[in-house]
Amino acid sequence: MISFKLLFAPLTAFQKIIKLMEIMEIFELSQTSKRMFACIKYAKRKIEPIRITKERFENTICVVERKGERTGLTIHLEDWQANPIRFWKWDKFRLGVCVKQEEEKSFHCNYSKREDIDYHLTHCFNYLSDLFNNKTIAIWINRDLINESKWLFSNLNFEECRYIRVKGHEAPLTNDDMSNLLESLKPSFQISIECALDKRFSKKTILNLPRVTIWHAERITYYDLLNMDCEVAEFENHQFSEEDVKKFINHWLAGNNPKLIRLRLGNFESLPDWENILKGVEYEKWDGRRRPESYEISYTHHIEEVYCRNGLDFNRDDRTVGTLVHLFGSIEFIVWKNLECRS
């Protein structure tokens, strides 16, 4: 009855109501009729890129309304033994819902066979992306599942992939794995690799994306740092020394790596020898007048604030300010463009 009355509300009133509702409520309301779906779609409720997670024991779709906020809706595909409490049906698609959790804003749904998971993920994504007018995706995937996901990648009705996150604890990521992801998804903004890299892995294929994070960066070389085209690069478990940091700072001061706004190198547990790293470079401590005390960097689903109050500042000839700071066992190099945070 409520959905029936909503359909006859003035357009402006309907749009205001939809904007006040929870994402989970909107999703359920959209299934009451095709007309309701069309009205919600026309209301254009804004969301972030829809995240698809494909792991050995986790297959989910998540909808987040704004960066940094908790998930507004999560659909879990699981091997439930219980009978469904109801079914979702749209077009020829049918999926059993076993559990609804209000606090977690989630549904737990049952798949009949494991080989049906990609089919269900595809239909759920295509429905949500159409409902919320957002055909942008973020993919979290286990390295071991890349090759078997070709059907999924080719049937998702997306226009842009903003983010790929690759996880795994067994076999390393190979060039073939990466080529498969890049050719199928064509990520435009961010990639995070949280598994080991094959010894023949070609880093050039990813070091031109705006945001790059590599957890097992033993094979990332100083030459890679010099030639990367990233805005943000984060490396853990690498082989870099303080001497490499020193050389890179001088390389940057000479006008190189023009797009860089953040380089984070983990595995520096002790406070670095700043006098050696900045030898021959005029630098100053933060005084509150030259720049803010923190730097905000935008990622796909969150905004990170890097605190630079204890950082050391130095100027390049083009008046760009660079800051070195030691935070939580990492060396952070932050670049301020015109003394403004650029995300």
Protein backbone atom coordinates (compact mmCIF):
# COMPACT_ATOMS: atom_id res chain seq x y z
CA MET A 1 0.00 0.00 0.00
CA ILE A 2 2.84 2.42 0.86
CA SER A 3 4.55 1.76 -2.47
CA PHE A 4 1.22 2.28 -4.26
CA LYS A 5 0.76 5.70 -2.61
CA LEU A 6 4.34 6.68 -3.42
CA LEU A 7 3.76 6.09 -7.11
CA PHE A 8 1.07 8.79 -7.10
CA ALA A 9 3.16 11.35 -5.21
CA PRO A 10 4.35 14.45 -7.14
CA LEU A 11 7.74 13.89 -8.78
CA THR A 12 9.59 16.38 -6.56
CA ALA A 13 8.12 14.84 -3.40
CA PHE A 14 8.94 11.33 -4.64
CA GLN A 15 12.57 12.28 -5.31
CA LYS A 16 12.93 13.84 -1.86
CA ILE A 17 11.54 10.71 -0.21
CA ILE A 18 13.90 8.45 -2.17
CA LYS A 19 16.89 10.60 -1.16
CA LEU A 20 15.93 10.23 2.51
CA MET A 21 15.56 6.45 2.39
CA GLU A 22 18.25 3.89 3.17
CA ILE A 23 19.87 2.16 0.19
CA MET A 24 18.59 -1.19 1.46
CA GLU A 25 15.02 0.15 1.63
CA ILE A 26 15.24 1.54 -1.89
CA PHE A 27 16.47 -1.80 -3.21
CA GLU A 28 13.51 -3.63 -1.65
CA LEU A 29 11.05 -0.99 -2.80
CA SER A 30 12.32 -1.25 -6.37
CA GLN A 31 11.11 -4.84 -6.58
CA THR A 32 7.47 -4.05 -5.88
CA SER A 33 6.75 -3.21 -9.54
CA LYS A 34 8.42 -2.28 -12.81
CA ARG A 35 6.90 1.17 -12.55
CA MET A 36 8.42 1.67 -9.09
CA PHE A 37 11.81 0.57 -10.44
CA ALA A 38 11.53 3.13 -13.25
CA CYS A 39 10.52 5.92 -10.85
CA ILE A 40 13.45 5.19 -8.51
CA LYS A 41 15.83 5.07 -11.45
CA TYR A 42 14.56 8.47 -12.60
CA ALA A 43 15.14 9.89 -9.08
CA LYS A 44 18.89 9.32 -9.64
CA ARG A 45 20.03 8.45 -6.12
CA LYS A 46 23.84 8.85 -6.09
CA ILE A 47 26.15 5.99 -5.05
CA GLU A 48 29.85 5.15 -5.26
CA PRO A 49 31.21 2.43 -7.63
CA ILE A 50 29.53 -0.90 -6.91
CA ARG A 51 31.99 -3.37 -5.37
CA ILE A 52 32.07 -7.02 -6.38
CA THR A 53 34.09 -9.39 -4.19
CA LYS A 54 35.01 -12.84 -5.46
CA GLU A 55 36.94 -14.96 -2.98
CA ARG A 56 37.05 -18.67 -2.19
CA PHE A 57 34.55 -18.28 0.63
CA GLU A 58 33.17 -14.79 0.02
CA ASN A 59 31.08 -13.67 -2.93
CA THR A 60 29.40 -10.34 -2.37
CA ILE A 61 28.10 -7.18 -3.98
CA CYS A 62 28.30 -3.97 -1.93
CA VAL A 63 26.71 -0.57 -2.46
CA VAL A 64 28.17 2.47 -0.68
CA GLU A 65 26.51 5.87 -0.93
CA ARG A 66 29.43 8.14 -0.04
CA LYS A 67 33.16 7.68 0.50
CA GLY A 68 34.12 6.74 4.02
CA GLU A 69 30.62 5.62 4.98
CA ARG A 70 29.58 2.11 5.96
CA THR A 71 28.05 -0.11 3.33
CA GLY A 72 24.44 0.74 2.48
CA LEU A 73 23.66 -2.70 1.07
CA THR A 74 25.53 -6.01 0.86
CA ILE A 75 24.32 -9.11 -0.95
CA HIS A 76 26.10 -12.31 0.13
CA LEU A 77 26.00 -15.40 -2.08
CA GLU A 78 26.48 -18.44 0.14
CA ASP A 79 25.90 -22.17 0.32
CA TRP A 80 22.97 -22.02 2.74
CA GLN A 81 21.21 -25.23 3.70
CA ALA A 82 18.11 -23.41 4.96
CA ASN A 83 15.09 -22.85 2.78
CA PRO A 84 14.69 -19.34 1.35
CA ILE A 85 12.29 -17.00 3.15
CA ARG A 86 11.46 -15.41 -0.22
CA PHE A 87 12.73 -15.04 -3.77
CA TRP A 88 13.99 -12.11 -5.79
CA LYS A 89 12.73 -12.17 -9.35
CA TRP A 90 13.45 -9.83 -12.22
CA ASP A 91 13.30 -10.69 -15.89
CA LYS A 92 14.16 -14.41 -16.01
CA PHE A 93 16.41 -14.20 -12.94
CA ARG A 94 15.47 -15.87 -9.64
CA LEU A 95 17.47 -15.91 -6.38
CA GLY A 96 16.49 -17.25 -2.96
CA VAL A 97 16.92 -14.98 0.08
CA CYS A 98 17.67 -16.93 3.27
CA VAL A 99 18.49 -14.20 5.80
CA LYS A 100 17.95 -10.45 6.04
CA GLN A 101 20.09 -8.56 8.58
CA GLU A 102 18.84 -5.04 9.23
CA GLU A 103 21.77 -3.86 11.35
CA GLU A 104 24.38 -5.03 8.86
CA LYS A 105 22.22 -3.86 5.94
CA SER A 106 22.72 -7.18 4.22
CA PHE A 107 21.00 -10.13 2.60
CA HIS A 108 22.33 -13.68 2.59
CA CYS A 109 21.26 -15.53 -0.52
CA ASN A 110 21.59 -19.16 -1.53
CA TYR A 111 23.17 -20.31 -4.78
CA SER A 112 22.24 -23.78 -6.05
CA LYS A 113 25.66 -24.65 -7.51
CA ARG A 114 29.06 -23.00 -7.19
CA GLU A 115 29.27 -22.59 -10.95
CA ASP A 116 26.17 -20.37 -10.73
CA ILE A 117 27.92 -17.72 -8.62
CA ASP A 118 29.10 -15.63 -11.58
CA TYR A 119 25.62 -15.77 -13.07
CA HIS A 120 24.11 -14.44 -9.83
CA LEU A 121 26.80 -11.76 -9.38
CA THR A 122 26.22 -10.58 -12.93
CA HIS A 123 22.44 -10.27 -12.60
CA CYS A 124 22.64 -8.57 -9.19
CA PHE A 125 25.21 -6.05 -10.43
CA ASN A 126 23.31 -5.30 -13.64
CA TYR A 127 20.11 -4.75 -11.65
CA LEU A 128 21.76 -2.43 -9.10
CA SER A 129 23.77 -0.49 -11.67
CA ASP A 130 20.60 0.14 -13.68
CA LEU A 131 18.57 1.09 -10.60
CA PHE A 132 21.13 3.61 -9.33
CA ASN A 133 22.36 4.81 -12.74
CA ASN A 134 25.93 3.88 -11.91
CA LYS A 135 27.71 1.46 -14.22
CA THR A 136 31.05 1.87 -12.45
CA ILE A 137 32.58 -1.10 -10.65
CA ALA A 138 35.33 -2.03 -8.22
CA ILE A 139 36.53 -5.64 -8.29
CA TRP A 140 38.08 -7.50 -5.35
CA ILE A 141 39.25 -10.91 -6.51
CA ASN A 142 41.41 -13.81 -5.40
CA ARG A 143 44.33 -14.37 -7.73
CA ASP A 144 43.40 -18.06 -8.12
CA LEU A 145 39.94 -17.14 -9.45
CA ILE A 146 40.99 -14.77 -12.23
CA ASN A 147 41.07 -17.29 -15.07
CA GLU A 148 37.69 -18.78 -14.22
CA SER A 149 36.06 -15.33 -14.09
CA LYS A 150 36.20 -14.49 -17.80
CA TRP A 151 32.46 -15.08 -18.21
CA LEU A 152 31.75 -12.76 -15.27
CA PHE A 153 33.92 -9.96 -16.64
CA SER A 154 32.42 -10.19 -20.12
CA ASN A 155 28.80 -10.18 -18.93
CA LEU A 156 28.89 -7.39 -16.35
CA ASN A 157 27.12 -4.41 -17.88
CA PHE A 158 29.66 -1.81 -16.71
CA GLU A 159 31.15 1.26 -18.36
CA GLU A 160 34.18 1.85 -16.13
CA CYS A 161 36.22 -0.17 -13.66
CA ARG A 162 37.69 2.21 -11.09
CA TYR A 163 39.50 -0.23 -8.83
CA ILE A 164 40.95 -3.75 -8.88
CA ARG A 165 42.12 -5.42 -5.68
CA VAL A 166 43.94 -8.75 -6.09
CA LYS A 167 44.42 -10.98 -3.03
CA GLY A 168 45.90 -14.42 -2.49
CA HIS A 169 48.35 -16.41 -0.39
CA GLU A 170 49.45 -19.21 -2.71
CA ALA A 171 50.56 -18.84 -6.34
CA PRO A 172 52.09 -15.49 -7.40
CA LEU A 173 50.41 -13.09 -9.80
CA THR A 174 51.67 -13.66 -13.36
CA ASN A 175 51.74 -11.51 -16.49
CA ASP A 176 48.93 -13.63 -17.94
CA ASP A 177 46.80 -13.01 -14.84
CA MET A 178 47.41 -9.28 -15.05
CA SER A 179 46.79 -9.15 -18.80
CA ASN A 180 43.49 -10.94 -18.28
CA LEU A 181 42.39 -8.35 -15.71
CA LEU A 182 43.62 -5.33 -17.66
CA GLU A 183 42.12 -6.43 -20.97
CA SER A 184 38.79 -7.46 -19.46
CA LEU A 185 38.29 -4.64 -16.95
CA LYS A 186 40.57 -1.79 -18.13
CA PRO A 187 40.94 -0.18 -14.66
CA SER A 188 41.06 3.60 -14.85
CA PHE A 189 42.05 4.72 -11.36
CA GLN A 190 43.35 2.30 -8.74
CA ILE A 191 44.91 -1.13 -8.32
CA SER A 192 46.00 -2.91 -5.15
CA ILE A 193 48.02 -6.13 -5.34
CA GLU A 194 48.10 -8.02 -2.05
CA CYS A 195 49.69 -11.25 -3.30
CA ALA A 196 53.22 -12.15 -4.38
CA LEU A 197 54.43 -11.19 -7.86
CA ASP A 198 55.86 -13.71 -10.30
CA LYS A 199 59.58 -13.17 -10.94
CA ARG A 200 58.82 -12.32 -14.59
CA PHE A 201 56.00 -9.91 -13.71
CA SER A 202 56.03 -6.74 -15.83
CA LYS A 203 55.52 -3.77 -13.53
CA LYS A 204 55.10 -1.34 -16.43
CA THR A 205 51.56 -2.61 -16.94
CA ILE A 206 50.36 -1.07 -13.66
CA LEU A 207 52.78 1.74 -12.75
CA ASN A 208 50.91 4.15 -15.03
CA LEU A 209 47.65 4.06 -13.06
CA PRO A 210 46.83 7.01 -10.75
CA ARG A 211 46.72 4.88 -7.55
CA VAL A 212 48.94 1.81 -7.07
CA THR A 213 49.49 -0.27 -3.92
CA ILE A 214 51.78 -3.33 -3.88
CA TRP A 215 52.13 -5.32 -0.67
CA HIS A 216 54.93 -7.61 -1.83
CA ALA A 217 57.15 -5.12 -3.63
CA GLU A 218 60.44 -7.01 -3.46
CA ARG A 219 60.68 -6.86 -7.26
CA ILE A 220 59.98 -3.13 -7.55
CA THR A 221 63.30 -1.46 -8.41
CA TYR A 222 64.66 2.04 -8.04
CA TYR A 223 64.40 2.30 -11.83
CA ASP A 224 60.66 1.59 -11.49
CA LEU A 225 60.32 4.50 -9.06
CA LEU A 226 62.01 6.86 -11.49
CA ASN A 227 59.78 5.86 -14.40
CA MET A 228 56.39 5.37 -12.74
CA ASP A 229 53.58 7.67 -13.84
CA CYS A 230 51.47 7.35 -10.68
CA GLU A 231 49.93 10.05 -8.54
CA VAL A 232 49.95 7.78 -5.50
CA ALA A 233 52.30 4.78 -5.06
CA GLU A 234 52.47 2.65 -1.91
CA PHE A 235 54.95 -0.20 -1.48
CA GLU A 236 55.35 -2.72 1.35
CA ASN A 237 58.03 -5.41 1.82
CA HIS A 238 60.34 -3.68 -0.66
CA GLN A 239 64.12 -3.56 -0.99
CA PHE A 240 64.57 0.24 -0.87
CA SER A 241 67.08 1.87 1.47
CA GLU A 242 67.39 5.39 2.86
CA GLU A 243 69.99 6.00 0.14
CA ASP A 244 67.35 5.19 -2.49
CA VAL A 245 64.99 7.68 -0.85
CA LYS A 246 67.73 10.31 -0.94
CA LYS A 247 68.37 9.74 -4.65
CA PHE A 248 64.66 9.79 -5.43
CA ILE A 249 64.14 13.11 -3.64
CA ASN A 250 66.92 14.67 -5.70
CA HIS A 251 65.39 13.13 -8.82
CA TRP A 252 62.05 14.75 -7.94
CA LEU A 253 63.70 18.09 -7.15
CA ALA A 254 65.11 18.06 -10.69
CA GLY A 255 61.53 18.24 -12.00
CA ASN A 256 60.76 14.55 -12.53
CA ASN A 257 57.67 12.48 -11.61
CA PRO A 258 55.41 15.50 -12.25
CA LYS A 259 52.15 13.69 -11.40
CA LEU A 260 53.28 12.37 -8.01
CA ILE A 261 51.39 13.51 -4.93
CA ARG A 262 52.23 10.64 -2.55
CA LEU A 263 54.93 7.97 -2.26
CA ARG A 264 54.68 5.71 0.77
CA LEU A 265 57.42 3.19 1.55
CA GLY A 266 56.76 0.78 4.40
CA ASN A 267 59.36 -1.20 6.36
CA PHE A 268 61.12 1.82 7.86
CA GLU A 269 60.40 1.07 11.51
CA SER A 270 63.13 3.37 12.89
CA LEU A 271 63.20 7.13 12.41
CA PRO A 272 65.21 7.79 9.22
CA ASP A 273 68.38 9.87 9.14
CA TRP A 274 66.78 12.96 7.65
CA GLU A 275 70.04 14.93 7.63
CA ASN A 276 71.59 12.35 5.33
CA ILE A 277 68.51 11.97 3.11
CA LEU A 278 68.18 15.75 2.71
CA LYS A 279 71.90 16.48 2.54
CA GLY A 280 72.41 19.56 0.38
CA VAL A 281 68.69 20.36 0.38
CA GLU A 282 67.32 23.40 2.22
CA TYR A 283 64.41 22.28 4.38
CA GLU A 284 62.24 23.64 7.18
CA LYS A 285 59.99 22.25 9.87
CA TRP A 286 56.25 22.79 9.65
CA ASP A 287 55.18 26.20 10.99
CA GLY A 288 51.50 26.29 10.11
CA ARG A 289 51.84 29.10 7.56
CA ARG A 290 53.23 27.38 4.49
CA ARG A 291 50.82 24.45 4.27
CA PRO A 292 48.09 22.61 6.22
CA GLU A 293 49.13 20.07 8.84
CA SER A 294 47.43 17.21 7.00
CA TYR A 295 46.88 16.10 3.42
CA GLU A 296 43.68 14.47 2.18
CA ILE A 297 44.00 11.89 -0.60
CA SER A 298 40.98 10.46 -2.38
CA TYR A 299 40.74 6.75 -3.18
CA THR A 300 37.88 4.79 -4.73
CA HIS A 301 35.80 4.23 -1.57
CA HIS A 302 37.51 6.36 1.07
CA ILE A 303 39.50 9.51 1.75
CA GLU A 304 42.74 9.14 3.69
CA GLU A 305 44.20 11.93 5.79
CA VAL A 306 48.00 11.94 6.08
CA TYR A 307 49.24 13.91 9.11
CA CYS A 308 52.31 15.95 8.18
CA ARG A 309 52.72 18.12 11.27
CA ASN A 310 56.13 16.56 12.02
CA GLY A 311 57.25 16.64 8.40
CA LEU A 312 60.19 18.43 6.82
CA ASP A 313 59.39 20.77 3.90
CA PHE A 314 61.51 21.69 0.90
CA ASN A 315 60.83 23.59 -2.34
CA ARG A 316 61.35 22.66 -5.96
CA ASP A 317 62.26 25.37 -8.49
CA ASP A 318 58.64 25.54 -9.69
CA ARG A 319 57.60 26.43 -6.09
CA THR A 320 56.05 23.00 -5.52
CA VAL A 321 56.51 21.97 -1.88
CA GLY A 322 57.56 18.45 -0.93
CA THR A 323 57.25 17.00 2.58
CA LEU A 324 58.99 14.00 4.13
CA VAL A 325 57.48 12.52 7.27
CA HIS A 326 57.84 9.24 9.20
CA LEU A 327 54.47 7.70 10.09
CA PHE A 328 53.62 4.27 11.51
CA GLY A 329 56.80 2.59 10.27
CA SER A 330 56.69 4.17 6.82
CA ILE A 331 58.41 7.01 5.00
CA GLU A 332 55.79 9.30 3.46
CA PHE A 333 56.71 11.71 0.68
CA ILE A 334 53.89 14.19 0.06
CA VAL A 335 53.76 16.74 -2.76
CA TRP A 336 51.69 19.91 -2.38
CA LYS A 337 50.60 21.44 -5.70
CA ASN A 338 50.27 25.21 -5.30
CA LEU A 339 49.96 24.54 -1.57
CA GLU A 340 46.60 22.86 -2.19
CA CYS A 341 45.65 19.21 -1.60
CA ARG A 342 45.00 17.62 -4.93
CA SER A 343 42.98 14.39 -4.87
